[in-house]
């Protein structure tokens, strides 16, 4: 398994739906947090560290996240430690 850090921004109203999709995609989320990124609290930045069995996890995960229409500023990085 490979460790991957993903982060993105979403609308607060979409949070529950997006969280459920993340848990479906990655049953083992190691580290997860979110915080508001604007004064109104309308947008959240979500950071998560997940395990992936893919040989090229960054590409695969990025494609899956791209399919979710309501995400902005998507970042996917493999972690080596």
N, C-alpha and C. Protein backbone atom coordinates (compact mmCIF):
# COMPACT_ATOMS: atom_id res chain seq x y z
N UNK A 1 0.84 -1.20 0.00
CA UNK A 1 0.00 0.00 0.00
C UNK A 1 0.87 1.25 0.00
N UNK A 2 0.37 2.27 -0.68
CA UNK A 2 1.09 3.54 -0.72
C UNK A 2 0.29 4.60 0.02
N UNK A 3 1.03 5.53 0.67
CA UNK A 3 0.37 6.62 1.38
C UNK A 3 0.25 7.81 0.45
N UNK A 4 -0.90 8.42 0.46
CA UNK A 4 -1.14 9.57 -0.41
C UNK A 4 -1.84 10.66 0.39
N UNK A 5 -1.38 11.90 0.18
CA UNK A 5 -2.05 13.05 0.80
C UNK A 5 -2.92 13.72 -0.25
N UNK A 6 -4.18 13.90 0.07
CA UNK A 6 -5.06 14.62 -0.85
C UNK A 6 -5.60 15.86 -0.14
N UNK A 7 -5.77 16.92 -0.90
CA UNK A 7 -6.41 18.11 -0.34
C UNK A 7 -7.19 18.81 -1.44
N UNK A 8 -8.25 19.44 -1.03
CA UNK A 8 -9.10 20.17 -1.98
C UNK A 8 -10.01 21.10 -1.22
N UNK A 9 -10.67 21.96 -1.96
CA UNK A 9 -11.63 22.90 -1.39
C UNK A 9 -13.01 22.54 -1.93
N UNK A 10 -14.00 22.59 -1.06
CA UNK A 10 -15.37 22.33 -1.49
C UNK A 10 -16.30 23.29 -0.79
N UNK A 11 -17.52 23.39 -1.28
CA UNK A 11 -18.53 24.21 -0.62
C UNK A 11 -19.00 23.50 0.64
N UNK A 12 -19.27 24.27 1.66
CA UNK A 12 -19.72 23.72 2.93
C UNK A 12 -20.96 22.83 2.73
N UNK A 13 -21.86 23.26 1.86
CA UNK A 13 -23.10 22.52 1.64
C UNK A 13 -22.86 21.14 1.03
N UNK A 14 -21.74 20.96 0.34
CA UNK A 14 -21.44 19.68 -0.31
C UNK A 14 -20.64 18.74 0.60
N UNK A 15 -20.28 19.22 1.78
CA UNK A 15 -19.34 18.49 2.64
C UNK A 15 -19.78 17.05 2.95
N UNK A 16 -21.02 16.87 3.40
CA UNK A 16 -21.48 15.53 3.80
C UNK A 16 -21.38 14.53 2.66
N UNK A 17 -21.84 14.96 1.50
CA UNK A 17 -21.82 14.09 0.32
C UNK A 17 -20.38 13.74 -0.05
N UNK A 18 -19.50 14.72 -0.03
CA UNK A 18 -18.10 14.50 -0.40
C UNK A 18 -17.42 13.59 0.63
N UNK A 19 -17.70 13.80 1.90
CA UNK A 19 -17.09 12.94 2.93
C UNK A 19 -17.50 11.49 2.73
N UNK A 20 -18.78 11.25 2.44
CA UNK A 20 -19.25 9.87 2.21
C UNK A 20 -18.53 9.25 1.02
N UNK A 21 -18.35 10.02 -0.05
CA UNK A 21 -17.64 9.50 -1.23
C UNK A 21 -16.19 9.16 -0.89
N UNK A 22 -15.55 10.01 -0.10
CA UNK A 22 -14.16 9.75 0.30
C UNK A 22 -14.06 8.44 1.09
N UNK A 23 -14.97 8.25 2.03
CA UNK A 23 -14.94 7.04 2.85
C UNK A 23 -15.21 5.81 1.98
N UNK A 24 -16.07 5.94 0.99
CA UNK A 24 -16.32 4.84 0.06
C UNK A 24 -15.06 4.51 -0.74
N UNK A 25 -14.37 5.55 -1.21
CA UNK A 25 -13.16 5.36 -2.03
C UNK A 25 -12.00 4.84 -1.20
N UNK A 26 -11.89 5.35 0.02
CA UNK A 26 -10.74 5.04 0.88
C UNK A 26 -11.22 4.60 2.26
N UNK A 27 -11.52 3.32 2.43
CA UNK A 27 -12.02 2.86 3.72
C UNK A 27 -11.04 3.13 4.86
N UNK A 28 -9.73 3.19 4.55
CA UNK A 28 -8.75 3.46 5.60
C UNK A 28 -8.17 4.86 5.44
N UNK A 29 -8.83 5.82 6.05
CA UNK A 29 -8.31 7.18 6.06
C UNK A 29 -7.49 7.32 7.34
N UNK A 30 -6.19 7.63 7.19
CA UNK A 30 -5.31 7.70 8.36
C UNK A 30 -5.45 9.01 9.10
N UNK A 31 -5.51 10.08 8.35
CA UNK A 31 -5.47 11.40 8.96
C UNK A 31 -6.46 12.25 8.18
N UNK A 32 -7.29 13.00 8.88
CA UNK A 32 -8.33 13.76 8.19
C UNK A 32 -8.60 15.03 8.96
N UNK A 33 -8.68 16.15 8.26
CA UNK A 33 -9.11 17.38 8.91
C UNK A 33 -9.71 18.32 7.88
N UNK A 34 -10.48 19.26 8.37
CA UNK A 34 -11.04 20.28 7.48
C UNK A 34 -11.15 21.60 8.25
N UNK A 35 -11.09 22.68 7.49
CA UNK A 35 -11.23 24.01 8.10
C UNK A 35 -11.86 24.95 7.08
N UNK A 36 -12.51 25.98 7.58
CA UNK A 36 -13.11 26.95 6.66
C UNK A 36 -12.00 27.81 6.05
N UNK A 37 -12.22 28.23 4.82
CA UNK A 37 -11.19 29.03 4.14
C UNK A 37 -11.66 30.44 3.81
N UNK A 38 -12.90 30.77 4.15
CA UNK A 38 -13.37 32.13 3.91
C UNK A 38 -14.16 32.62 5.12
N UNK A 39 -14.35 33.91 5.20
CA UNK A 39 -14.99 34.50 6.38
C UNK A 39 -16.42 34.02 6.57
N UNK A 40 -17.13 33.75 5.47
CA UNK A 40 -18.52 33.33 5.58
C UNK A 40 -18.66 31.87 6.01
N UNK A 41 -17.57 31.11 5.90
CA UNK A 41 -17.65 29.68 6.21
C UNK A 41 -18.31 28.90 5.09
N UNK A 42 -18.36 29.48 3.89
CA UNK A 42 -19.01 28.82 2.75
C UNK A 42 -18.15 27.73 2.12
N UNK A 43 -16.84 27.81 2.30
CA UNK A 43 -15.94 26.84 1.68
C UNK A 43 -15.03 26.21 2.73
N UNK A 44 -14.76 24.93 2.54
CA UNK A 44 -13.89 24.19 3.44
C UNK A 44 -12.69 23.67 2.67
N UNK A 45 -11.54 23.65 3.34
CA UNK A 45 -10.38 22.96 2.78
C UNK A 45 -10.28 21.63 3.53
N UNK A 46 -10.21 20.56 2.78
CA UNK A 46 -10.14 19.22 3.36
C UNK A 46 -8.78 18.63 3.06
N UNK A 47 -8.15 18.09 4.09
CA UNK A 47 -6.87 17.39 3.95
C UNK A 47 -7.06 15.97 4.47
N UNK A 48 -6.56 15.01 3.73
CA UNK A 48 -6.66 13.62 4.18
C UNK A 48 -5.43 12.85 3.74
N UNK A 49 -5.03 11.90 4.57
CA UNK A 49 -3.98 10.96 4.17
C UNK A 49 -4.66 9.61 4.05
N UNK A 50 -4.44 8.96 2.93
CA UNK A 50 -5.13 7.70 2.66
C UNK A 50 -4.13 6.66 2.16
N UNK A 51 -4.55 5.41 2.19
CA UNK A 51 -3.77 4.33 1.61
C UNK A 51 -4.35 3.99 0.24
N UNK A 52 -3.48 3.67 -0.69
CA UNK A 52 -3.93 3.26 -2.02
C UNK A 52 -3.12 2.05 -2.46
N UNK A 53 -3.78 1.10 -3.10
CA UNK A 53 -3.10 -0.09 -3.60
C UNK A 53 -2.64 0.11 -5.04
N UNK A 54 -3.02 1.22 -5.66
CA UNK A 54 -2.64 1.48 -7.05
C UNK A 54 -1.13 1.64 -7.19
N UNK A 55 -0.61 1.21 -8.34
CA UNK A 55 0.83 1.39 -8.59
C UNK A 55 1.16 2.85 -8.86
N UNK A 56 0.24 3.56 -9.49
CA UNK A 56 0.43 5.01 -9.67
C UNK A 56 -0.75 5.71 -9.00
N UNK A 57 -0.72 5.77 -7.67
CA UNK A 57 -1.89 6.26 -6.93
C UNK A 57 -2.25 7.70 -7.21
N UNK A 58 -1.25 8.55 -7.47
CA UNK A 58 -1.53 9.97 -7.67
C UNK A 58 -2.46 10.16 -8.86
N UNK A 59 -2.13 9.51 -9.97
CA UNK A 59 -2.95 9.64 -11.19
C UNK A 59 -4.34 9.07 -10.95
N UNK A 60 -4.41 7.88 -10.37
CA UNK A 60 -5.71 7.22 -10.16
C UNK A 60 -6.61 8.04 -9.23
N UNK A 61 -6.04 8.51 -8.14
CA UNK A 61 -6.84 9.27 -7.18
C UNK A 61 -7.27 10.61 -7.77
N UNK A 62 -6.36 11.25 -8.48
CA UNK A 62 -6.69 12.53 -9.10
C UNK A 62 -7.86 12.37 -10.06
N UNK A 63 -7.84 11.30 -10.84
CA UNK A 63 -8.95 11.05 -11.78
C UNK A 63 -10.27 10.84 -11.04
N UNK A 64 -10.22 10.08 -9.95
CA UNK A 64 -11.45 9.85 -9.18
C UNK A 64 -11.98 11.16 -8.60
N UNK A 65 -11.07 11.97 -8.08
CA UNK A 65 -11.50 13.24 -7.49
C UNK A 65 -12.00 14.20 -8.56
N UNK A 66 -11.40 14.15 -9.74
CA UNK A 66 -11.84 15.02 -10.84
C UNK A 66 -13.27 14.73 -11.24
N UNK A 67 -13.71 13.48 -11.07
CA UNK A 67 -15.08 13.11 -11.42
C UNK A 67 -16.09 13.77 -10.49
N UNK A 68 -15.64 14.16 -9.31
CA UNK A 68 -16.53 14.83 -8.37
C UNK A 68 -16.56 16.31 -8.74
N UNK A 69 -17.64 16.74 -9.32
CA UNK A 69 -17.74 18.06 -9.96
C UNK A 69 -17.56 19.24 -9.01
N UNK A 70 -17.84 19.03 -7.72
CA UNK A 70 -17.91 20.17 -6.81
C UNK A 70 -16.63 20.40 -6.01
N UNK A 71 -15.47 20.00 -6.55
CA UNK A 71 -14.20 20.23 -5.86
C UNK A 71 -13.38 21.29 -6.58
N UNK A 72 -12.61 22.04 -5.79
CA UNK A 72 -11.71 23.05 -6.36
C UNK A 72 -10.32 22.82 -5.78
N UNK A 73 -9.31 23.30 -6.47
CA UNK A 73 -7.92 23.26 -5.99
C UNK A 73 -7.51 21.88 -5.50
N UNK A 74 -7.70 20.88 -6.34
CA UNK A 74 -7.39 19.50 -5.97
C UNK A 74 -5.88 19.27 -6.03
N UNK A 75 -5.34 18.68 -4.96
CA UNK A 75 -3.93 18.34 -4.90
C UNK A 75 -3.77 16.91 -4.41
N UNK A 76 -2.94 16.13 -5.10
CA UNK A 76 -2.70 14.73 -4.72
C UNK A 76 -1.20 14.48 -4.74
N UNK A 77 -0.64 14.03 -3.61
CA UNK A 77 0.80 13.79 -3.53
C UNK A 77 1.05 12.47 -2.82
N UNK A 78 2.01 11.70 -3.35
CA UNK A 78 2.40 10.47 -2.65
C UNK A 78 3.36 10.84 -1.52
N UNK A 79 3.22 10.17 -0.38
CA UNK A 79 4.06 10.45 0.78
C UNK A 79 5.05 9.31 0.95
N UNK A 80 6.30 9.66 1.08
CA UNK A 80 7.34 8.66 1.32
C UNK A 80 7.94 8.96 2.68
N UNK A 81 7.74 8.04 3.65
CA UNK A 81 8.39 8.27 4.94
C UNK A 81 8.89 6.99 5.58
